[in-house]
């Protein structure tokens, strides 16, 4: 096993590990409950961590995690009403049309 990243909270650590597992990269969350002793130990030592089970897939997991944490910015015009949509939205907030419709 090899450490991939420390997460700022348990929710993100779990989300990232689940997304990696969904992509076929075995990942686990370590120190999930260490936050309860923050203050007794240094705070940076109490953060949950995402670990990759197969060390040979560490670089691949790091690349995928980078993509997950930095999604591409999208900007598109709705075909239904012409509204300009920014961000990761797949549906127009003006008329409700989907991006591909």
PDB file of N, CA and C in Angstrom:
ATOM      1  N   UNK A   1       0.839  -1.185   0.000  1.00  0.00           N
ATOM      2  CA  UNK A   1       0.000   0.000   0.000  1.00  0.00           C
ATOM      3  C   UNK A   1       0.876   1.237   0.000  1.00  0.00           C
ATOM      4  N   UNK A   2       0.347   2.302  -0.621  1.00  0.00           N
ATOM      5  CA  UNK A   2       1.086   3.550  -0.678  1.00  0.00           C
ATOM      6  C   UNK A   2       0.115   4.705  -0.484  1.00  0.00           C
ATOM      7  N   UNK A   3       0.522   5.676   0.331  1.00  0.00           N
ATOM      8  CA  UNK A   3      -0.317   6.837   0.622  1.00  0.00           C
ATOM      9  C   UNK A   3      -0.468   7.693  -0.631  1.00  0.00           C
ATOM     10  N   UNK A   4      -1.699   8.083  -0.924  1.00  0.00           N
ATOM     11  CA  UNK A   4      -1.970   8.922  -2.076  1.00  0.00           C
ATOM     12  C   UNK A   4      -2.095  10.381  -1.666  1.00  0.00           C
ATOM     13  N   UNK A   5      -2.964  10.660  -0.688  1.00  0.00           N
ATOM     14  CA  UNK A   5      -3.213  12.046  -0.297  1.00  0.00           C
ATOM     15  C   UNK A   5      -3.896  12.097   1.065  1.00  0.00           C
ATOM     16  N   UNK A   6      -3.659  13.187   1.780  1.00  0.00           N
ATOM     17  CA  UNK A   6      -4.420  13.476   2.993  1.00  0.00           C
ATOM     18  C   UNK A   6      -5.603  14.341   2.568  1.00  0.00           C
ATOM     19  N   UNK A   7      -6.767  14.031   3.068  1.00  0.00           N
ATOM     20  CA  UNK A   7      -7.975  14.775   2.717  1.00  0.00           C
ATOM     21  C   UNK A   7      -8.326  15.743   3.848  1.00  0.00           C
ATOM     22  N   UNK A   8      -8.979  16.848   3.518  1.00  0.00           N
ATOM     23  CA  UNK A   8      -9.328  17.806   4.573  1.00  0.00           C
ATOM     24  C   UNK A   8     -10.423  17.312   5.511  1.00  0.00           C
ATOM     25  N   UNK A   9     -11.193  16.299   5.060  1.00  0.00           N
ATOM     26  CA  UNK A   9     -12.230  15.745   5.930  1.00  0.00           C
ATOM     27  C   UNK A   9     -12.584  14.331   5.464  1.00  0.00           C
ATOM     28  N   UNK A  10     -13.320  13.627   6.303  1.00  0.00           N
ATOM     29  CA  UNK A  10     -13.663  12.234   6.028  1.00  0.00           C
ATOM     30  C   UNK A  10     -14.584  12.093   4.817  1.00  0.00           C
ATOM     31  N   UNK A  11     -15.475  13.044   4.614  1.00  0.00           N
ATOM     32  CA  UNK A  11     -16.396  12.965   3.476  1.00  0.00           C
ATOM     33  C   UNK A  11     -15.632  12.965   2.152  1.00  0.00           C
ATOM     34  N   UNK A  12     -14.671  13.858   2.007  1.00  0.00           N
ATOM     35  CA  UNK A  12     -13.886  13.904   0.769  1.00  0.00           C
ATOM     36  C   UNK A  12     -13.001  12.670   0.622  1.00  0.00           C
ATOM     37  N   UNK A  13     -12.394  12.226   1.702  1.00  0.00           N
ATOM     38  CA  UNK A  13     -11.556  11.033   1.630  1.00  0.00           C
ATOM     39  C   UNK A  13     -12.367   9.838   1.148  1.00  0.00           C
ATOM     40  N   UNK A  14     -13.569   9.688   1.684  1.00  0.00           N
ATOM     41  CA  UNK A  14     -14.437   8.582   1.291  1.00  0.00           C
ATOM     42  C   UNK A  14     -14.883   8.726  -0.164  1.00  0.00           C
ATOM     43  N   UNK A  15     -15.237   9.939  -0.568  1.00  0.00           N
ATOM     44  CA  UNK A  15     -15.642  10.182  -1.952  1.00  0.00           C
ATOM     45  C   UNK A  15     -14.516   9.842  -2.915  1.00  0.00           C
ATOM     46  N   UNK A  16     -13.309  10.330  -2.632  1.00  0.00           N
ATOM     47  CA  UNK A  16     -12.173  10.073  -3.511  1.00  0.00           C
ATOM     48  C   UNK A  16     -11.865   8.586  -3.581  1.00  0.00           C
ATOM     49  N   UNK A  17     -11.869   7.905  -2.446  1.00  0.00           N
ATOM     50  CA  UNK A  17     -11.597   6.463  -2.440  1.00  0.00           C
ATOM     51  C   UNK A  17     -12.671   5.710  -3.227  1.00  0.00           C
ATOM     52  N   UNK A  18     -13.924   6.111  -3.072  1.00  0.00           N
ATOM     53  CA  UNK A  18     -15.009   5.460  -3.812  1.00  0.00           C
ATOM     54  C   UNK A  18     -14.852   5.680  -5.318  1.00  0.00           C
ATOM     55  N   UNK A  19     -14.470   6.889  -5.716  1.00  0.00           N
ATOM     56  CA  UNK A  19     -14.292   7.164  -7.141  1.00  0.00           C
ATOM     57  C   UNK A  19     -13.115   6.374  -7.715  1.00  0.00           C
ATOM     58  N   UNK A  20     -12.050   6.257  -6.960  1.00  0.00           N
ATOM     59  CA  UNK A  20     -10.911   5.452  -7.408  1.00  0.00           C
ATOM     60  C   UNK A  20     -11.305   3.985  -7.521  1.00  0.00           C
ATOM     61  N   UNK A  21     -12.024   3.472  -6.519  1.00  0.00           N
ATOM     62  CA  UNK A  21     -12.485   2.090  -6.561  1.00  0.00           C
ATOM     63  C   UNK A  21     -13.409   1.864  -7.756  1.00  0.00           C
ATOM     64  N   UNK A  22     -14.263   2.835  -8.046  1.00  0.00           N
ATOM     65  CA  UNK A  22     -15.156   2.740  -9.190  1.00  0.00           C
ATOM     66  C   UNK A  22     -14.409   2.703 -10.515  1.00  0.00           C
ATOM     67  N   UNK A  23     -13.216   3.300 -10.534  1.00  0.00           N
ATOM     68  CA  UNK A  23     -12.377   3.297 -11.741  1.00  0.00           C
ATOM     69  C   UNK A  23     -11.488   2.061 -11.800  1.00  0.00           C
ATOM     70  N   UNK A  24     -11.635   1.155 -10.839  1.00  0.00           N
ATOM     71  CA  UNK A  24     -10.866  -0.076 -10.850  1.00  0.00           C
ATOM     72  C   UNK A  24      -9.537  -0.007 -10.115  1.00  0.00           C
ATOM     73  N   UNK A  25      -9.315   1.054  -9.359  1.00  0.00           N
ATOM     74  CA  UNK A  25      -8.081   1.193  -8.573  1.00  0.00           C
ATOM     75  C   UNK A  25      -8.448   0.989  -7.109  1.00  0.00           C
ATOM     76  N   UNK A  26      -7.948  -0.092  -6.519  1.00  0.00           N
ATOM     77  CA  UNK A  26      -8.258  -0.376  -5.116  1.00  0.00           C
ATOM     78  C   UNK A  26      -7.669   0.700  -4.217  1.00  0.00           C
ATOM     79  N   UNK A  27      -8.553   1.367  -3.473  1.00  0.00           N
ATOM     80  CA  UNK A  27      -8.130   2.432  -2.568  1.00  0.00           C
ATOM     81  C   UNK A  27      -8.874   2.287  -1.245  1.00  0.00           C
ATOM     82  N   UNK A  28      -8.231   2.692  -0.171  1.00  0.00           N
ATOM     83  CA  UNK A  28      -8.838   2.653   1.154  1.00  0.00           C
ATOM     84  C   UNK A  28      -8.639   3.988   1.852  1.00  0.00           C
ATOM     85  N   UNK A  29      -9.474   4.214   2.862  1.00  0.00           N
ATOM     86  CA  UNK A  29      -9.328   5.401   3.704  1.00  0.00           C
ATOM     87  C   UNK A  29      -8.689   4.954   5.011  1.00  0.00           C
ATOM     88  N   UNK A  30      -7.589   5.592   5.352  1.00  0.00           N
ATOM     89  CA  UNK A  30      -6.898   5.316   6.612  1.00  0.00           C
ATOM     90  C   UNK A  30      -7.073   6.521   7.534  1.00  0.00           C
ATOM     91  N   UNK A  31      -6.971   6.297   8.813  1.00  0.00           N
ATOM     92  CA  UNK A  31      -7.129   7.336   9.842  1.00  0.00           C
ATOM     93  C   UNK A  31      -8.492   8.019   9.740  1.00  0.00           C
ATOM     94  N   UNK A  32      -9.511   7.255   9.427  1.00  0.00           N
ATOM     95  CA  UNK A  32     -10.849   7.810   9.251  1.00  0.00           C
ATOM     96  C   UNK A  32     -11.356   8.509  10.508  1.00  0.00           C
ATOM     97  N   UNK A  33     -11.054   7.970  11.648  1.00  0.00           N
ATOM     98  CA  UNK A  33     -11.606   8.530  12.894  1.00  0.00           C
ATOM     99  C   UNK A  33     -10.558   9.211  13.753  1.00  0.00           C
ATOM    100  N   UNK A  34      -9.382   9.475  13.202  1.00  0.00           N
ATOM    101  CA  UNK A  34      -8.322  10.121  13.990  1.00  0.00           C
ATOM    102  C   UNK A  34      -8.657  11.576  14.306  1.00  0.00           C
ATOM    103  N   UNK A  35      -9.593  12.172  13.570  1.00  0.00           N
ATOM    104  CA  UNK A  35      -9.974  13.555  13.842  1.00  0.00           C
ATOM    105  C   UNK A  35     -10.499  13.751  15.246  1.00  0.00           C
ATOM    106  N   UNK A  36     -11.004  12.700  15.855  1.00  0.00           N
ATOM    107  CA  UNK A  36     -11.543  12.813  17.211  1.00  0.00           C
ATOM    108  C   UNK A  36     -10.463  13.076  18.252  1.00  0.00           C
ATOM    109  N   UNK A  37      -9.199  12.832  17.879  1.00  0.00           N
ATOM    110  CA  UNK A  37      -8.122  13.099  18.842  1.00  0.00           C
ATOM    111  C   UNK A  37      -7.240  14.271  18.415  1.00  0.00           C
ATOM    112  N   UNK A  38      -7.744  15.068  17.446  1.00  0.00           N
ATOM    113  CA  UNK A  38      -7.016  16.277  17.042  1.00  0.00           C
ATOM    114  C   UNK A  38      -6.875  17.168  18.266  1.00  0.00           C
ATOM    115  N   UNK A  39      -5.707  17.673  18.460  1.00  0.00           N
ATOM    116  CA  UNK A  39      -5.401  18.440  19.656  1.00  0.00           C
ATOM    117  C   UNK A  39      -4.522  17.629  20.592  1.00  0.00           C
ATOM    118  N   UNK A  40      -4.809  16.344  20.679  1.00  0.00           N
ATOM    119  CA  UNK A  40      -3.954  15.435  21.432  1.00  0.00           C
ATOM    120  C   UNK A  40      -2.723  15.095  20.593  1.00  0.00           C
ATOM    121  N   UNK A  41      -2.942  15.061  19.269  1.00  0.00           N
ATOM    122  CA  UNK A  41      -1.853  14.882  18.318  1.00  0.00           C
ATOM    123  C   UNK A  41      -1.905  16.071  17.350  1.00  0.00           C
ATOM    124  N   UNK A  42      -0.840  16.352  16.622  1.00  0.00           N
ATOM    125  CA  UNK A  42      -0.897  17.465  15.674  1.00  0.00           C
ATOM    126  C   UNK A  42      -2.043  17.292  14.675  1.00  0.00           C
ATOM    127  N   UNK A  43      -2.692  18.408  14.334  1.00  0.00           N
ATOM    128  CA  UNK A  43      -3.861  18.361  13.463  1.00  0.00           C
ATOM    129  C   UNK A  43      -3.555  17.693  12.129  1.00  0.00           C
ATOM    130  N   UNK A  44      -2.384  17.961  11.555  1.00  0.00           N
ATOM    131  CA  UNK A  44      -2.059  17.344  10.264  1.00  0.00           C
ATOM    132  C   UNK A  44      -1.878  15.834  10.376  1.00  0.00           C
ATOM    133  N   UNK A  45      -1.674  15.331  11.571  1.00  0.00           N
ATOM    134  CA  UNK A  45      -1.558  13.886  11.769  1.00  0.00           C
ATOM    135  C   UNK A  45      -2.921  13.231  12.002  1.00  0.00           C
ATOM    136  N   UNK A  46      -3.967  14.053  12.123  1.00  0.00           N
ATOM    137  CA  UNK A  46      -5.308  13.537  12.392  1.00  0.00           C
ATOM    138  C   UNK A  46      -6.196  13.541  11.151  1.00  0.00           C
ATOM    139  N   UNK A  47      -5.659  13.968  10.014  1.00  0.00           N
ATOM    140  CA  UNK A  47      -6.458  14.016   8.792  1.00  0.00           C
ATOM    141  C   UNK A  47      -6.628  12.622   8.192  1.00  0.00           C
ATOM    142  N   UNK A  48      -7.809  12.347   7.623  1.00  0.00           N
ATOM    143  CA  UNK A  48      -7.978  11.059   6.944  1.00  0.00           C
ATOM    144  C   UNK A  48      -7.111  11.020   5.684  1.00  0.00           C
ATOM    145  N   UNK A  49      -6.663   9.839   5.320  1.00  0.00           N
ATOM    146  CA  UNK A  49      -5.797   9.676   4.156  1.00  0.00           C
ATOM    147  C   UNK A  49      -6.372   8.634   3.205  1.00  0.00           C
ATOM    148  N   UNK A  50      -6.113   8.839   1.926  1.00  0.00           N
ATOM    149  CA  UNK A  50      -6.488   7.867   0.894  1.00  0.00           C
ATOM    150  C   UNK A  50      -5.213   7.128   0.497  1.00  0.00           C
ATOM    151  N   UNK A  51      -5.280   5.812   0.548  1.00  0.00           N
ATOM    152  CA  UNK A  51      -4.153   4.962   0.198  1.00  0.00           C
ATOM    153  C   UNK A  51      -4.528   4.065  -0.968  1.00  0.00           C
ATOM    154  N   UNK A  52      -3.548   3.806  -1.833  1.00  0.00           N
ATOM    155  CA  UNK A  52      -3.724   2.894  -2.965  1.00  0.00           C
ATOM    156  C   UNK A  52      -3.162   1.537  -2.552  1.00  0.00           C
ATOM    157  N   UNK A  53      -3.936   0.495  -2.749  1.00  0.00           N
ATOM    158  CA  UNK A  53      -3.524  -0.841  -2.335  1.00  0.00           C
ATOM    159  C   UNK A  53      -2.344  -1.335  -3.173  1.00  0.00           C
ATOM    160  N   UNK A  54      -2.441  -1.201  -4.492  1.00  0.00           N
ATOM    161  CA  UNK A  54      -1.378  -1.644  -5.398  1.00  0.00           C
ATOM    162  C   UNK A  54      -0.451  -0.471  -5.709  1.00  0.00           C
ATOM    163  N   UNK A  55       0.741  -0.495  -5.154  1.00  0.00           N
ATOM    164  CA  UNK A  55       1.694   0.612  -5.322  1.00  0.00           C
ATOM    165  C   UNK A  55       2.016   0.895  -6.787  1.00  0.00           C
ATOM    166  N   UNK A  56       1.915  -0.121  -7.630  1.00  0.00           N
ATOM    167  CA  UNK A  56       2.218   0.075  -9.051  1.00  0.00           C
ATOM    168  C   UNK A  56       1.199   0.982  -9.733  1.00  0.00           C
ATOM    169  N   UNK A  57       0.044   1.156  -9.123  1.00  0.00           N
ATOM    170  CA  UNK A  57      -1.005   2.000  -9.714  1.00  0.00           C
ATOM    171  C   UNK A  57      -1.062   3.386  -9.070  1.00  0.00           C
ATOM    172  N   UNK A  58      -0.047   3.708  -8.260  1.00  0.00           N
ATOM    173  CA  UNK A  58      -0.019   4.989  -7.556  1.00  0.00           C
ATOM    174  C   UNK A  58      -0.058   6.179  -8.519  1.00  0.00           C
ATOM    175  N   UNK A  59       0.775   6.177  -9.544  1.00  0.00           N
ATOM    176  CA  UNK A  59       0.820   7.292 -10.501  1.00  0.00           C
ATOM    177  C   UNK A  59      -0.512   7.435 -11.232  1.00  0.00           C
ATOM    178  N   UNK A  60      -1.108   6.328 -11.608  1.00  0.00           N
ATOM    179  CA  UNK A  60      -2.409   6.348 -12.278  1.00  0.00           C
ATOM    180  C   UNK A  60      -3.481   6.924 -11.350  1.00  0.00           C
ATOM    181  N   UNK A  61      -3.463   6.504 -10.091  1.00  0.00           N
ATOM    182  CA  UNK A  61      -4.423   7.005  -9.109  1.00  0.00           C
ATOM    183  C   UNK A  61      -4.227   8.492  -8.854  1.00  0.00           C
ATOM    184  N   UNK A  62      -2.986   8.928  -8.787  1.00  0.00           N
ATOM    185  CA  UNK A  62      -2.686  10.345  -8.582  1.00  0.00           C
ATOM    186  C   UNK A  62      -3.213  11.178  -9.742  1.00  0.00           C
ATOM    187  N   UNK A  63      -3.036  10.687 -10.954  1.00  0.00           N
ATOM    188  CA  UNK A  63      -3.531  11.385 -12.140  1.00  0.00           C
ATOM    189  C   UNK A  63      -5.060  11.467 -12.133  1.00  0.00           C
ATOM    190  N   UNK A  64      -5.715  10.358 -11.822  1.00  0.00           N
ATOM    191  CA  UNK A  64      -7.172  10.336 -11.772  1.00  0.00           C
ATOM    192  C   UNK A  64      -7.692  11.258 -10.673  1.00  0.00           C
ATOM    193  N   UNK A  65      -7.059  11.240  -9.523  1.00  0.00           N
ATOM    194  CA  UNK A  65      -7.467  12.111  -8.425  1.00  0.00           C
ATOM    195  C   UNK A  65      -7.321  13.580  -8.819  1.00  0.00           C
ATOM    196  N   UNK A  66      -6.267  13.898  -9.542  1.00  0.00           N
ATOM    197  CA  UNK A  66      -6.082  15.274 -10.007  1.00  0.00           C
ATOM    198  C   UNK A  66      -7.240  15.680 -10.927  1.00  0.00           C
ATOM    199  N   UNK A  67      -7.652  14.796 -11.815  1.00  0.00           N
ATOM    200  CA  UNK A  67      -8.785  15.075 -12.705  1.00  0.00           C
ATOM    201  C   UNK A  67     -10.077  15.256 -11.915  1.00  0.00           C
ATOM    202  N   UNK A  68     -10.260  14.440 -10.878  1.00  0.00           N
ATOM    203  CA  UNK A  68     -11.468  14.531 -10.060  1.00  0.00           C
ATOM    204  C   UNK A  68     -11.507  15.840  -9.267  1.00  0.00           C
ATOM    205  N   UNK A  69     -10.350  16.272  -8.790  1.00  0.00           N
ATOM    206  CA  UNK A  69     -10.280  17.491  -7.984  1.00  0.00           C
ATOM    207  C   UNK A  69     -10.272  18.754  -8.830  1.00  0.00           C
ATOM    208  N   UNK A  70      -9.965  18.646 -10.119  1.00  0.00           N
ATOM    209  CA  UNK A  70      -9.876  19.804 -11.005  1.00  0.00           C
ATOM    210  C   UNK A  70     -10.644  19.538 -12.295  1.00  0.00           C
ATOM    211  N   UNK A  71     -11.981  19.483 -12.211  1.00  0.00           N
ATOM    212  CA  UNK A  71     -12.752  19.190 -13.421  1.00  0.00           C
ATOM    213  C   UNK A  71     -12.615  20.328 -14.427  1.00  0.00           C
ATOM    214  N   UNK A  72     -12.716  20.005 -15.711  1.00  0.00           N
ATOM    215  CA  UNK A  72     -12.605  21.063 -16.726  1.00  0.00           C
ATOM    216  C   UNK A  72     -13.785  22.023 -16.633  1.00  0.00           C
ATOM    217  N   UNK A  73     -13.514  23.291 -16.861  1.00  0.00           N
ATOM    218  CA  UNK A  73     -14.564  24.294 -16.845  1.00  0.00           C
ATOM    219  C   UNK A  73     -15.332  24.200 -18.152  1.00  0.00           C
ATOM    220  N   UNK A  74     -16.624  24.187 -18.060  1.00  0.00           N
ATOM    221  CA  UNK A  74     -17.438  24.082 -19.259  1.00  0.00           C
ATOM    222  C   UNK A  74     -18.288  25.331 -19.431  1.00  0.00           C
ATOM    223  N   UNK A  75     -18.475  25.686 -20.647  1.00  0.00           N
ATOM    224  CA  UNK A  75     -19.286  26.840 -21.015  1.00  0.00           C
ATOM    225  C   UNK A  75     -20.038  26.435 -22.271  1.00  0.00           C
ATOM    226  N   UNK A  76     -21.357  26.461 -22.217  1.00  0.00           N
ATOM    227  CA  UNK A  76     -22.117  26.042 -23.385  1.00  0.00           C
ATOM    228  C   UNK A  76     -23.390  26.866 -23.519  1.00  0.00           C
ATOM    229  N   UNK A  77     -23.899  26.928 -24.731  1.00  0.00           N
ATOM    230  CA  UNK A  77     -25.138  27.642 -25.015  1.00  0.00           C
ATOM    231  C   UNK A  77     -26.272  26.633 -25.148  1.00  0.00           C
ATOM    232  N   UNK A  78     -27.362  26.894 -24.469  1.00  0.00           N
ATOM    233  CA  UNK A  78     -28.536  26.023 -24.522  1.00  0.00           C
ATOM    234  C   UNK A  78     -29.148  26.083 -25.918  1.00  0.00           C
ATOM    235  N   UNK A  79     -29.425  24.920 -26.468  1.00  0.00           N
ATOM    236  CA  UNK A  79     -30.046  24.846 -27.798  1.00  0.00           C
ATOM    237  C   UNK A  79     -31.533  25.207 -27.733  1.00  0.00           C
ATOM    238  N   UNK A  80     -32.115  25.110 -26.539  1.00  0.00           N
ATOM    239  CA  UNK A  80     -33.536  25.398 -26.399  1.00  0.00           C
ATOM    240  C   UNK A  80     -33.852  26.880 -26.320  1.00  0.00           C
ATOM    241  N   UNK A  81     -33.050  27.633 -25.536  1.00  0.00           N
ATOM    242  CA  UNK A  81     -33.373  29.043 -25.330  1.00  0.00           C
ATOM    243  C   UNK A  81     -32.200  29.992 -25.563  1.00  0.00           C
ATOM    244  N   UNK A  82     -30.999  29.449 -25.798  1.00  0.00           N
ATOM    245  CA  UNK A  82     -29.836  30.296 -26.050  1.00  0.00           C
ATOM    246  C   UNK A  82     -29.124  30.781 -24.800  1.00  0.00           C
ATOM    247  N   UNK A  83     -29.603  30.402 -23.626  1.00  0.00           N
ATOM    248  CA  UNK A  83     -28.970  30.816 -22.367  1.00  0.00           C
ATOM    249  C   UNK A  83     -27.538  30.277 -22.308  1.00  0.00           C
ATOM    250  N   UNK A  84     -26.613  31.106 -21.831  1.00  0.00           N
ATOM    251  CA  UNK A  84     -25.229  30.667 -21.653  1.00  0.00           C
ATOM    252  C   UNK A  84     -25.100  30.011 -20.278  1.00  0.00           C
ATOM    253  N   UNK A  85     -24.613  28.785 -20.255  1.00  0.00           N
ATOM    254  CA  UNK A  85     -24.487  27.997 -19.029  1.00  0.00           C
ATOM    255  C   UNK A  85     -23.009  27.843 -18.698  1.00  0.00           C
ATOM    256  N   UNK A  86     -22.638  28.185 -17.479  1.00  0.00           N
ATOM    257  CA  UNK A  86     -21.259  28.037 -17.009  1.00  0.00           C
ATOM    258  C   UNK A  86     -21.183  26.922 -15.976  1.00  0.00           C
ATOM    259  N   UNK A  87     -20.057  26.270 -15.917  1.00  0.00           N
ATOM    260  CA  UNK A  87     -19.818  25.277 -14.879  1.00  0.00           C
ATOM    261  C   UNK A  87     -20.175  23.871 -15.305  1.00  0.00           C
ATOM    262  N   UNK A  88     -20.318  22.983 -14.318  1.00  0.00           N
ATOM    263  CA  UNK A  88     -20.501  21.564 -14.609  1.00  0.00           C
ATOM    264  C   UNK A  88     -21.955  21.167 -14.870  1.00  0.00           C
ATOM    265  N   UNK A  89     -22.835  22.131 -15.092  1.00  0.00           N
ATOM    266  CA  UNK A  89     -24.251  21.829 -15.237  1.00  0.00           C
ATOM    267  C   UNK A  89     -24.545  21.128 -16.560  1.00  0.00           C
ATOM    268  N   UNK A  90     -25.407  20.138 -16.513  1.00  0.00           N
ATOM    269  CA  UNK A  90     -25.805  19.381 -17.693  1.00  0.00           C
ATOM    270  C   UNK A  90     -27.206  19.758 -18.143  1.00  0.00           C
ATOM    271  N   UNK A  91     -27.857  20.675 -17.401  1.00  0.00           N
ATOM    272  CA  UNK A  91     -29.213  21.069 -17.724  1.00  0.00           C
ATOM    273  C   UNK A  91     -29.315  22.589 -17.633  1.00  0.00           C
ATOM    274  N   UNK A  92     -30.069  23.172 -18.542  1.00  0.00           N
ATOM    275  CA  UNK A  92     -30.263  24.628 -18.583  1.00  0.00           C
ATOM    276  C   UNK A  92     -31.132  25.071 -17.409  1.00  0.00           C
ATOM    277  N   UNK A  93     -30.720  26.086 -16.695  1.00  0.00           N
ATOM    278  CA  UNK A  93     -31.519  26.571 -15.573  1.00  0.00           C
ATOM    279  C   UNK A  93     -32.625  27.506 -16.042  1.00  0.00           C
ATOM    280  N   UNK A  94     -32.593  27.928 -17.310  1.00  0.00           N
ATOM    281  CA  UNK A  94     -33.614  28.809 -17.850  1.00  0.00           C
ATOM    282  C   UNK A  94     -34.836  28.008 -18.343  1.00  0.00           C
ATOM    283  N   UNK A  95     -34.590  26.991 -19.188  1.00  0.00           N
ATOM    284  CA  UNK A  95     -35.718  26.257 -19.793  1.00  0.00           C
ATOM    285  C   UNK A  95     -35.755  24.778 -19.425  1.00  0.00           C
ATOM    286  N   UNK A  96     -34.691  24.259 -18.807  1.00  0.00           N
ATOM    287  CA  UNK A  96     -34.682  22.863 -18.372  1.00  0.00           C
ATOM    288  C   UNK A  96     -34.172  21.870 -19.407  1.00  0.00           C
ATOM    289  N   UNK A  97     -33.778  22.360 -20.595  1.00  0.00           N
ATOM    290  CA  UNK A  97     -33.262  21.459 -21.621  1.00  0.00           C
ATOM    291  C   UNK A  97     -31.925  20.867 -21.181  1.00  0.00           C
ATOM    292  N   UNK A  98     -31.655  19.637 -21.593  1.00  0.00           N
ATOM    293  CA  UNK A  98     -30.388  19.003 -21.252  1.00  0.00           C
ATOM    294  C   UNK A  98     -29.311  19.462 -22.240  1.00  0.00           C
ATOM    295  N   UNK A  99     -28.074  19.308 -21.864  1.00  0.00           N
ATOM    296  CA  UNK A  99     -26.952  19.791 -22.661  1.00  0.00           C
ATOM    297  C   UNK A  99     -26.948  19.199 -24.066  1.00  0.00           C
ATOM    298  N   UNK A 100     -27.219  17.921 -24.193  1.00  0.00           N
ATOM    299  CA  UNK A 100     -27.174  17.265 -25.496  1.00  0.00           C
ATOM    300  C   UNK A 100     -28.448  17.422 -26.309  1.00  0.00           C
ATOM    301  N   UNK A 101     -29.511  17.950 -25.698  1.00  0.00           N
ATOM    302  CA  UNK A 101     -30.810  18.032 -26.416  1.00  0.00           C
ATOM    303  C   UNK A 101     -30.849  19.166 -27.405  1.00  0.00           C
TER     304      UNK A 101
END
